[in-house]
Amino acid sequence: MNYLFPHQYKKIGLMVLLPSILFGIGVIITDFSPEFLDIKIKFVLSETPFSSLNNNLLNEILGVLIILSGLVVAFSREKIEDEFIEKIRLESLVWSVYVNYILLLLALVILYDFDFLFFMMFNMFTLLIFFIVRFNWQISKLKKTSFDEK
């Protein structure tokens, strides 16, 4: 299990993930974009090569923070990492892939134009979020069951 981060990283990841998600939702709702993050980007692969566009980097920064901290939270060891935890981790990953792609298939059929683009923006993060929620829910059920047995 060399692919897992040390257990201590989970707390750090959560300290970055939760505020990033909340701030990201706030940015989407309010359309907040601070001017100091405005940059001019040159496009090489466009209809008119080397054309430029003004872009605010806040969305990209939040996206990177959510993805990286989500990976750290999702793939940090538990305090006690045994075969059963590994099984729960694998089942949660498979479950989250299924749910994510079922939602994507539904969106392909139901949503069009900007609505689909908006859905895809969130879909970048849902696989990780579904995994984190399901895995931690299963772990809490396991802890509750073992506590009830004692």
N, C-alpha and C. Protein backbone atom coordinates (compact mmCIF):
# COMPACT_ATOMS: atom_id res chain seq x y z
N MET A 1 0.82 -1.18 0.00
CA MET A 1 0.00 0.00 0.00
C MET A 1 0.88 1.25 0.00
N ASN A 2 1.79 1.30 -0.93
CA ASN A 2 2.69 2.44 -1.02
C ASN A 2 2.02 3.68 -1.61
N TYR A 3 0.82 3.52 -2.14
CA TYR A 3 0.16 4.64 -2.80
C TYR A 3 -0.57 5.56 -1.82
N LEU A 4 -0.62 5.22 -0.56
CA LEU A 4 -1.33 6.03 0.43
C LEU A 4 -0.40 7.03 1.11
N PHE A 5 -0.96 8.20 1.40
CA PHE A 5 -0.22 9.22 2.14
C PHE A 5 -0.26 8.88 3.62
N PRO A 6 0.66 9.42 4.42
CA PRO A 6 0.60 9.21 5.87
C PRO A 6 -0.71 9.75 6.45
N HIS A 7 -1.14 9.16 7.56
CA HIS A 7 -2.43 9.51 8.18
C HIS A 7 -2.52 10.99 8.54
N GLN A 8 -1.41 11.61 8.96
CA GLN A 8 -1.42 13.01 9.39
C GLN A 8 -1.82 13.95 8.25
N TYR A 9 -1.61 13.54 7.01
CA TYR A 9 -1.92 14.40 5.86
C TYR A 9 -3.42 14.59 5.69
N LYS A 10 -4.22 13.66 6.23
CA LYS A 10 -5.67 13.74 6.07
C LYS A 10 -6.21 15.02 6.70
N LYS A 11 -5.72 15.36 7.90
CA LYS A 11 -6.18 16.58 8.58
C LYS A 11 -5.79 17.82 7.78
N ILE A 12 -4.57 17.84 7.27
CA ILE A 12 -4.11 18.98 6.46
C ILE A 12 -4.97 19.09 5.20
N GLY A 13 -5.22 17.96 4.56
CA GLY A 13 -6.06 17.95 3.37
C GLY A 13 -7.46 18.48 3.64
N LEU A 14 -8.05 18.06 4.75
CA LEU A 14 -9.39 18.54 5.12
C LEU A 14 -9.39 20.04 5.40
N MET A 15 -8.30 20.53 6.01
CA MET A 15 -8.20 21.95 6.32
C MET A 15 -8.12 22.80 5.05
N VAL A 16 -7.69 22.21 3.95
CA VAL A 16 -7.64 22.92 2.67
C VAL A 16 -8.90 22.63 1.85
N LEU A 17 -9.35 21.38 1.85
CA LEU A 17 -10.48 20.96 1.01
C LEU A 17 -11.78 21.66 1.36
N LEU A 18 -12.17 21.62 2.63
CA LEU A 18 -13.47 22.17 3.01
C LEU A 18 -13.59 23.68 2.73
N PRO A 19 -12.60 24.50 3.14
CA PRO A 19 -12.70 25.93 2.80
C PRO A 19 -12.65 26.17 1.28
N SER A 20 -11.89 25.37 0.56
CA SER A 20 -11.80 25.55 -0.89
C SER A 20 -13.15 25.27 -1.55
N ILE A 21 -13.83 24.21 -1.12
CA ILE A 21 -15.15 23.90 -1.67
C ILE A 21 -16.14 25.01 -1.34
N LEU A 22 -16.16 25.44 -0.09
CA LEU A 22 -17.10 26.49 0.32
C LEU A 22 -16.81 27.81 -0.41
N PHE A 23 -15.54 28.16 -0.50
CA PHE A 23 -15.16 29.39 -1.20
C PHE A 23 -15.50 29.27 -2.69
N GLY A 24 -15.26 28.09 -3.26
CA GLY A 24 -15.58 27.86 -4.66
C GLY A 24 -17.07 28.02 -4.94
N ILE A 25 -17.90 27.49 -4.07
CA ILE A 25 -19.35 27.65 -4.22
C ILE A 25 -19.72 29.13 -4.11
N GLY A 26 -19.10 29.83 -3.17
CA GLY A 26 -19.34 31.26 -3.03
C GLY A 26 -18.92 32.04 -4.26
N VAL A 27 -17.80 31.67 -4.85
CA VAL A 27 -17.32 32.34 -6.07
C VAL A 27 -18.31 32.12 -7.21
N ILE A 28 -18.84 30.91 -7.33
CA ILE A 28 -19.80 30.62 -8.40
C ILE A 28 -21.10 31.41 -8.19
N ILE A 29 -21.57 31.45 -6.95
CA ILE A 29 -22.83 32.14 -6.66
C ILE A 29 -22.69 33.65 -6.87
N THR A 30 -21.59 34.23 -6.39
CA THR A 30 -21.43 35.69 -6.43
C THR A 30 -20.68 36.18 -7.65
N ASP A 31 -20.08 35.27 -8.42
CA ASP A 31 -19.25 35.64 -9.58
C ASP A 31 -18.08 36.53 -9.17
N PHE A 32 -17.51 36.24 -7.99
CA PHE A 32 -16.39 36.99 -7.44
C PHE A 32 -15.13 36.71 -8.25
N SER A 33 -14.41 37.76 -8.63
CA SER A 33 -13.14 37.60 -9.34
C SER A 33 -12.24 38.79 -9.06
N PRO A 34 -11.31 38.63 -8.11
CA PRO A 34 -10.44 39.76 -7.74
C PRO A 34 -9.53 40.17 -8.90
N GLU A 35 -9.39 41.46 -9.07
CA GLU A 35 -8.64 41.99 -10.21
C GLU A 35 -7.17 41.59 -10.20
N PHE A 36 -6.58 41.43 -9.02
CA PHE A 36 -5.14 41.12 -8.98
C PHE A 36 -4.83 39.73 -9.54
N LEU A 37 -5.86 38.90 -9.74
CA LEU A 37 -5.65 37.58 -10.35
C LEU A 37 -5.96 37.57 -11.85
N ASP A 38 -6.23 38.75 -12.43
CA ASP A 38 -6.46 38.85 -13.87
C ASP A 38 -5.13 38.75 -14.61
N ILE A 39 -5.10 37.90 -15.63
CA ILE A 39 -3.91 37.79 -16.47
C ILE A 39 -4.36 37.70 -17.93
N LYS A 40 -3.44 37.98 -18.82
CA LYS A 40 -3.69 37.85 -20.25
C LYS A 40 -3.06 36.54 -20.70
N ILE A 41 -3.87 35.71 -21.36
CA ILE A 41 -3.39 34.39 -21.81
C ILE A 41 -3.34 34.38 -23.33
N LYS A 42 -2.25 33.85 -23.87
CA LYS A 42 -2.12 33.67 -25.32
C LYS A 42 -2.52 32.25 -25.67
N PHE A 43 -3.40 32.12 -26.65
CA PHE A 43 -3.84 30.81 -27.12
C PHE A 43 -3.04 30.42 -28.35
N VAL A 44 -2.41 29.27 -28.32
CA VAL A 44 -1.66 28.78 -29.47
C VAL A 44 -2.61 27.99 -30.37
N LEU A 45 -3.42 27.15 -29.79
CA LEU A 45 -4.33 26.30 -30.56
C LEU A 45 -5.73 26.92 -30.57
N SER A 46 -5.94 27.90 -31.42
CA SER A 46 -7.25 28.52 -31.55
C SER A 46 -7.49 28.86 -33.01
N GLU A 47 -8.68 29.39 -33.30
CA GLU A 47 -8.99 29.75 -34.68
C GLU A 47 -8.00 30.79 -35.21
N THR A 48 -7.67 31.72 -34.36
CA THR A 48 -6.64 32.70 -34.72
C THR A 48 -5.46 32.47 -33.81
N PRO A 49 -4.41 31.80 -34.31
CA PRO A 49 -3.26 31.46 -33.46
C PRO A 49 -2.68 32.68 -32.76
N PHE A 50 -2.28 32.45 -31.54
CA PHE A 50 -1.65 33.46 -30.69
C PHE A 50 -2.58 34.62 -30.35
N SER A 51 -3.88 34.37 -30.39
CA SER A 51 -4.81 35.39 -29.91
C SER A 51 -4.78 35.38 -28.39
N SER A 52 -5.21 36.47 -27.79
CA SER A 52 -5.13 36.54 -26.33
C SER A 52 -6.51 36.77 -25.72
N LEU A 53 -6.60 36.44 -24.44
CA LEU A 53 -7.85 36.55 -23.70
C LEU A 53 -7.51 36.91 -22.27
N ASN A 54 -8.32 37.76 -21.67
CA ASN A 54 -8.15 38.07 -20.25
C ASN A 54 -8.82 36.97 -19.43
N ASN A 55 -8.14 36.49 -18.40
CA ASN A 55 -8.66 35.42 -17.57
C ASN A 55 -8.34 35.71 -16.11
N ASN A 56 -9.28 35.37 -15.24
CA ASN A 56 -9.05 35.48 -13.81
C ASN A 56 -8.66 34.10 -13.29
N LEU A 57 -7.56 34.00 -12.58
CA LEU A 57 -7.02 32.72 -12.15
C LEU A 57 -7.69 32.10 -10.93
N LEU A 58 -8.66 32.78 -10.32
CA LEU A 58 -9.27 32.28 -9.09
C LEU A 58 -9.89 30.89 -9.29
N ASN A 59 -10.62 30.69 -10.37
CA ASN A 59 -11.24 29.38 -10.61
C ASN A 59 -10.19 28.27 -10.74
N GLU A 60 -9.11 28.57 -11.43
CA GLU A 60 -8.05 27.57 -11.61
C GLU A 60 -7.37 27.26 -10.29
N ILE A 61 -7.12 28.30 -9.48
CA ILE A 61 -6.48 28.09 -8.17
C ILE A 61 -7.37 27.23 -7.28
N LEU A 62 -8.66 27.56 -7.23
CA LEU A 62 -9.58 26.77 -6.40
C LEU A 62 -9.70 25.35 -6.92
N GLY A 63 -9.74 25.18 -8.23
CA GLY A 63 -9.81 23.83 -8.81
C GLY A 63 -8.61 22.98 -8.42
N VAL A 64 -7.42 23.57 -8.51
CA VAL A 64 -6.19 22.86 -8.13
C VAL A 64 -6.22 22.51 -6.64
N LEU A 65 -6.62 23.46 -5.80
CA LEU A 65 -6.69 23.20 -4.36
C LEU A 65 -7.68 22.08 -4.04
N ILE A 66 -8.85 22.10 -4.68
CA ILE A 66 -9.85 21.07 -4.42
C ILE A 66 -9.35 19.70 -4.87
N ILE A 67 -8.77 19.63 -6.05
CA ILE A 67 -8.29 18.33 -6.55
C ILE A 67 -7.14 17.80 -5.70
N LEU A 68 -6.13 18.63 -5.44
CA LEU A 68 -4.97 18.14 -4.67
C LEU A 68 -5.34 17.78 -3.24
N SER A 69 -6.11 18.65 -2.57
CA SER A 69 -6.48 18.33 -1.19
C SER A 69 -7.46 17.16 -1.15
N GLY A 70 -8.32 17.04 -2.15
CA GLY A 70 -9.22 15.89 -2.23
C GLY A 70 -8.46 14.59 -2.39
N LEU A 71 -7.42 14.60 -3.21
CA LEU A 71 -6.58 13.40 -3.37
C LEU A 71 -5.89 13.04 -2.05
N VAL A 72 -5.41 14.05 -1.35
CA VAL A 72 -4.73 13.79 -0.07
C VAL A 72 -5.72 13.22 0.95
N VAL A 73 -6.91 13.80 1.03
CA VAL A 73 -7.92 13.30 1.97
C VAL A 73 -8.34 11.88 1.59
N ALA A 74 -8.59 11.67 0.31
CA ALA A 74 -9.09 10.37 -0.15
C ALA A 74 -8.06 9.26 0.03
N PHE A 75 -6.80 9.59 -0.17
CA PHE A 75 -5.79 8.54 -0.18
C PHE A 75 -4.75 8.68 0.93
N SER A 76 -5.22 9.09 2.10
CA SER A 76 -4.39 9.07 3.31
C SER A 76 -4.76 7.83 4.11
N ARG A 77 -3.76 7.25 4.73
CA ARG A 77 -3.99 6.06 5.56
C ARG A 77 -4.94 6.38 6.71
N GLU A 78 -5.62 5.36 7.16
CA GLU A 78 -6.37 5.45 8.41
C GLU A 78 -5.40 5.15 9.54
N LYS A 79 -5.79 5.47 10.78
CA LYS A 79 -4.91 5.17 11.92
C LYS A 79 -4.56 3.70 11.94
N ILE A 80 -5.57 2.87 11.74
CA ILE A 80 -5.36 1.42 11.64
C ILE A 80 -5.75 1.02 10.23
N GLU A 81 -4.77 0.71 9.42
CA GLU A 81 -5.00 0.36 8.02
C GLU A 81 -4.80 -1.14 7.87
N ASP A 82 -5.90 -1.88 7.82
CA ASP A 82 -5.81 -3.33 7.66
C ASP A 82 -6.50 -3.75 6.36
N GLU A 83 -6.64 -5.07 6.19
CA GLU A 83 -7.23 -5.59 4.96
C GLU A 83 -8.69 -5.18 4.81
N PHE A 84 -9.42 -5.09 5.92
CA PHE A 84 -10.83 -4.72 5.85
C PHE A 84 -10.98 -3.25 5.42
N ILE A 85 -10.12 -2.39 5.94
CA ILE A 85 -10.14 -0.99 5.53
C ILE A 85 -9.78 -0.89 4.04
N GLU A 86 -8.82 -1.68 3.61
CA GLU A 86 -8.45 -1.70 2.20
C GLU A 86 -9.63 -2.15 1.34
N LYS A 87 -10.39 -3.12 1.82
CA LYS A 87 -11.57 -3.60 1.09
C LYS A 87 -12.63 -2.50 1.02
N ILE A 88 -12.85 -1.80 2.12
CA ILE A 88 -13.81 -0.69 2.13
C ILE A 88 -13.35 0.40 1.17
N ARG A 89 -12.05 0.68 1.16
CA ARG A 89 -11.49 1.70 0.27
C ARG A 89 -11.75 1.33 -1.20
N LEU A 90 -11.49 0.08 -1.55
CA LEU A 90 -11.70 -0.38 -2.92
C LEU A 90 -13.19 -0.35 -3.29
N GLU A 91 -14.03 -0.85 -2.42
CA GLU A 91 -15.48 -0.84 -2.70
C GLU A 91 -16.00 0.59 -2.84
N SER A 92 -15.51 1.49 -2.03
CA SER A 92 -15.95 2.89 -2.10
C SER A 92 -15.49 3.53 -3.40
N LEU A 93 -14.29 3.18 -3.83
CA LEU A 93 -13.79 3.72 -5.10
C LEU A 93 -14.63 3.21 -6.27
N VAL A 94 -14.91 1.92 -6.29
CA VAL A 94 -15.74 1.35 -7.36
C VAL A 94 -17.13 1.98 -7.32
N TRP A 95 -17.73 2.09 -6.14
CA TRP A 95 -19.06 2.67 -6.00
C TRP A 95 -19.07 4.10 -6.52
N SER A 96 -18.06 4.89 -6.17
CA SER A 96 -18.02 6.29 -6.60
C SER A 96 -17.84 6.41 -8.11
N VAL A 97 -17.09 5.51 -8.72
CA VAL A 97 -16.95 5.52 -10.18
C VAL A 97 -18.30 5.22 -10.83
N TYR A 98 -19.00 4.20 -10.34
CA TYR A 98 -20.32 3.88 -10.87
C TYR A 98 -21.28 5.05 -10.76
N VAL A 99 -21.39 5.62 -9.57
CA VAL A 99 -22.32 6.73 -9.35
C VAL A 99 -21.95 7.92 -10.23
N ASN A 100 -20.67 8.23 -10.30
CA ASN A 100 -20.21 9.36 -11.09
C ASN A 100 -20.58 9.18 -12.57
N TYR A 101 -20.35 7.99 -13.11
CA TYR A 101 -20.63 7.79 -14.52
C TYR A 101 -22.12 7.60 -14.82
N ILE A 102 -22.88 7.13 -13.86
CA ILE A 102 -24.34 7.11 -14.04
C ILE A 102 -24.87 8.54 -14.14
N LEU A 103 -24.38 9.41 -13.25
CA LEU A 103 -24.78 10.82 -13.33
C LEU A 103 -24.32 11.47 -14.63
N LEU A 104 -23.13 11.12 -15.10
CA LEU A 104 -22.63 11.66 -16.36
C LEU A 104 -23.49 11.19 -17.53
N LEU A 105 -23.87 9.92 -17.54
CA LEU A 105 -24.75 9.42 -18.60
C LEU A 105 -26.10 10.13 -18.58
N LEU A 106 -26.66 10.31 -17.40
CA LEU A 106 -27.92 11.05 -17.29
C LEU A 106 -27.77 12.48 -17.80
N ALA A 107 -26.67 13.12 -17.44
CA ALA A 107 -26.44 14.49 -17.88
C ALA A 107 -26.29 14.57 -19.40
N LEU A 108 -25.63 13.57 -20.00
CA LEU A 108 -25.49 13.54 -21.46
C LEU A 108 -26.84 13.50 -22.16
N VAL A 109 -27.80 12.82 -21.56
CA VAL A 109 -29.12 12.66 -22.16
C VAL A 109 -30.04 13.85 -21.83
N ILE A 110 -29.91 14.40 -20.63
CA ILE A 110 -30.87 15.38 -20.14
C ILE A 110 -30.42 16.83 -20.36
N LEU A 111 -29.12 17.10 -20.19
CA LEU A 111 -28.63 18.48 -20.21
C LEU A 111 -28.00 18.84 -21.56
N TYR A 112 -28.12 20.11 -21.92
CA TYR A 112 -27.56 20.59 -23.18
C TYR A 112 -26.92 21.95 -22.98
N ASP A 113 -26.06 22.30 -23.92
CA ASP A 113 -25.42 23.61 -23.98
C ASP A 113 -24.77 24.00 -22.65
N PHE A 114 -25.10 25.18 -22.16
CA PHE A 114 -24.43 25.71 -20.98
C PHE A 114 -24.72 24.88 -19.74
N ASP A 115 -25.92 24.32 -19.64
CA ASP A 115 -26.25 23.47 -18.48
C ASP A 115 -25.32 22.27 -18.40
N PHE A 116 -25.03 21.66 -19.54
CA PHE A 116 -24.11 20.52 -19.55
C PHE A 116 -22.70 20.96 -19.19
N LEU A 117 -22.27 22.09 -19.71
CA LEU A 117 -20.95 22.62 -19.38
C LEU A 117 -20.84 22.91 -17.89
N PHE A 118 -21.89 23.48 -17.32
CA PHE A 118 -21.93 23.76 -15.89
C PHE A 118 -21.85 22.47 -15.09
N PHE A 119 -22.59 21.43 -15.52
CA PHE A 119 -22.53 20.13 -14.87
C PHE A 119 -21.12 19.54 -14.94
N MET A 120 -20.49 19.63 -16.10
CA MET A 120 -19.14 19.08 -16.27
C MET A 120 -18.12 19.79 -15.38
N MET A 121 -18.37 21.07 -15.13
CA MET A 121 -17.47 21.80 -14.23
C MET A 121 -17.48 21.15 -12.85
N PHE A 122 -18.66 20.78 -12.36
CA PHE A 122 -18.76 20.11 -11.07
C PHE A 122 -18.33 18.65 -11.16
N ASN A 123 -18.54 18.03 -12.30
CA ASN A 123 -18.23 16.62 -12.47
C ASN A 123 -16.73 16.34 -12.34
N MET A 124 -15.91 17.36 -12.54
CA MET A 124 -14.46 17.18 -12.34
C MET A 124 -14.14 16.76 -10.92
N PHE A 125 -14.98 17.18 -9.98
CA PHE A 125 -14.70 16.97 -8.57
C PHE A 125 -15.54 15.87 -7.93
N THR A 126 -16.63 15.47 -8.57
CA THR A 126 -17.58 14.59 -7.92
C THR A 126 -17.03 13.20 -7.63
N LEU A 127 -16.19 12.67 -8.49
CA LEU A 127 -15.63 11.35 -8.24
C LEU A 127 -14.89 11.32 -6.91
N LEU A 128 -14.03 12.30 -6.69
CA LEU A 128 -13.29 12.38 -5.42
C LEU A 128 -14.22 12.61 -4.24
N ILE A 129 -15.18 13.51 -4.42
CA ILE A 129 -16.09 13.82 -3.32
C ILE A 129 -16.96 12.62 -2.98
N PHE A 130 -17.50 11.93 -3.99
CA PHE A 130 -18.29 10.73 -3.74
C PHE A 130 -17.47 9.68 -2.99
N PHE A 131 -16.21 9.51 -3.42
CA PHE A 131 -15.35 8.52 -2.77
C PHE A 131 -15.11 8.90 -1.31
N ILE A 132 -14.75 10.15 -1.07
CA ILE A 132 -14.45 10.59 0.30
C ILE A 132 -15.67 10.41 1.20
N VAL A 133 -16.83 10.82 0.71
CA VAL A 133 -18.05 10.71 1.53
C VAL A 133 -18.38 9.25 1.80
N ARG A 134 -18.36 8.41 0.76
CA ARG A 134 -18.74 7.00 0.93
C ARG A 134 -17.74 6.27 1.82
N PHE A 135 -16.46 6.49 1.60
CA PHE A 135 -15.43 5.81 2.38
C PHE A 135 -15.55 6.19 3.86
N ASN A 136 -15.67 7.48 4.14
CA ASN A 136 -15.76 7.91 5.54
C ASN A 136 -17.07 7.48 6.18
N TRP A 137 -18.14 7.42 5.41
CA TRP A 137 -19.42 6.92 5.92
C TRP A 137 -19.29 5.45 6.29
N GLN A 138 -18.65 4.65 5.44
CA GLN A 138 -18.45 3.23 5.72
C GLN A 138 -17.53 3.03 6.94
N ILE A 139 -16.51 3.84 7.05
CA ILE A 139 -15.60 3.76 8.20
C ILE A 139 -16.35 4.11 9.49
N SER A 140 -17.18 5.15 9.43
CA SER A 140 -17.93 5.52 10.64
C SER A 140 -18.94 4.43 11.01
N LYS A 141 -19.55 3.78 10.03
CA LYS A 141 -20.44 2.66 10.31
C LYS A 141 -19.66 1.51 10.95
N LEU A 142 -18.46 1.25 10.45
CA LEU A 142 -17.62 0.19 11.01
C LEU A 142 -17.25 0.50 12.46
N LYS A 143 -16.87 1.75 12.72
CA LYS A 143 -16.51 2.15 14.09
C LYS A 143 -17.70 2.05 15.02
N LYS A 144 -18.87 2.46 14.54
CA LYS A 144 -20.09 2.38 15.36
C LYS A 144 -20.44 0.93 15.66
N THR A 145 -20.33 0.06 14.66
CA THR A 145 -20.62 -1.36 14.84
C THR A 145 -19.66 -1.98 15.85
N SER A 146 -18.37 -1.67 15.71
CA SER A 146 -17.39 -2.25 16.65
C SER A 146 -17.58 -1.66 18.05
N PHE A 147 -18.00 -0.40 18.15
CA PHE A 147 -18.27 0.21 19.45
C PHE A 147 -19.49 -0.44 20.11
N ASP A 148 -20.54 -0.71 19.30
CA ASP A 148 -21.75 -1.33 19.82
C ASP A 148 -21.49 -2.76 20.30
N GLU A 149 -20.55 -3.46 19.66
CA GLU A 149 -20.23 -4.83 20.06
C GLU A 149 -19.50 -4.87 21.39
N LYS A 150 -18.78 -3.78 21.73
CA LYS A 150 -18.02 -3.75 22.99
C LYS A 150 -18.94 -3.40 24.08
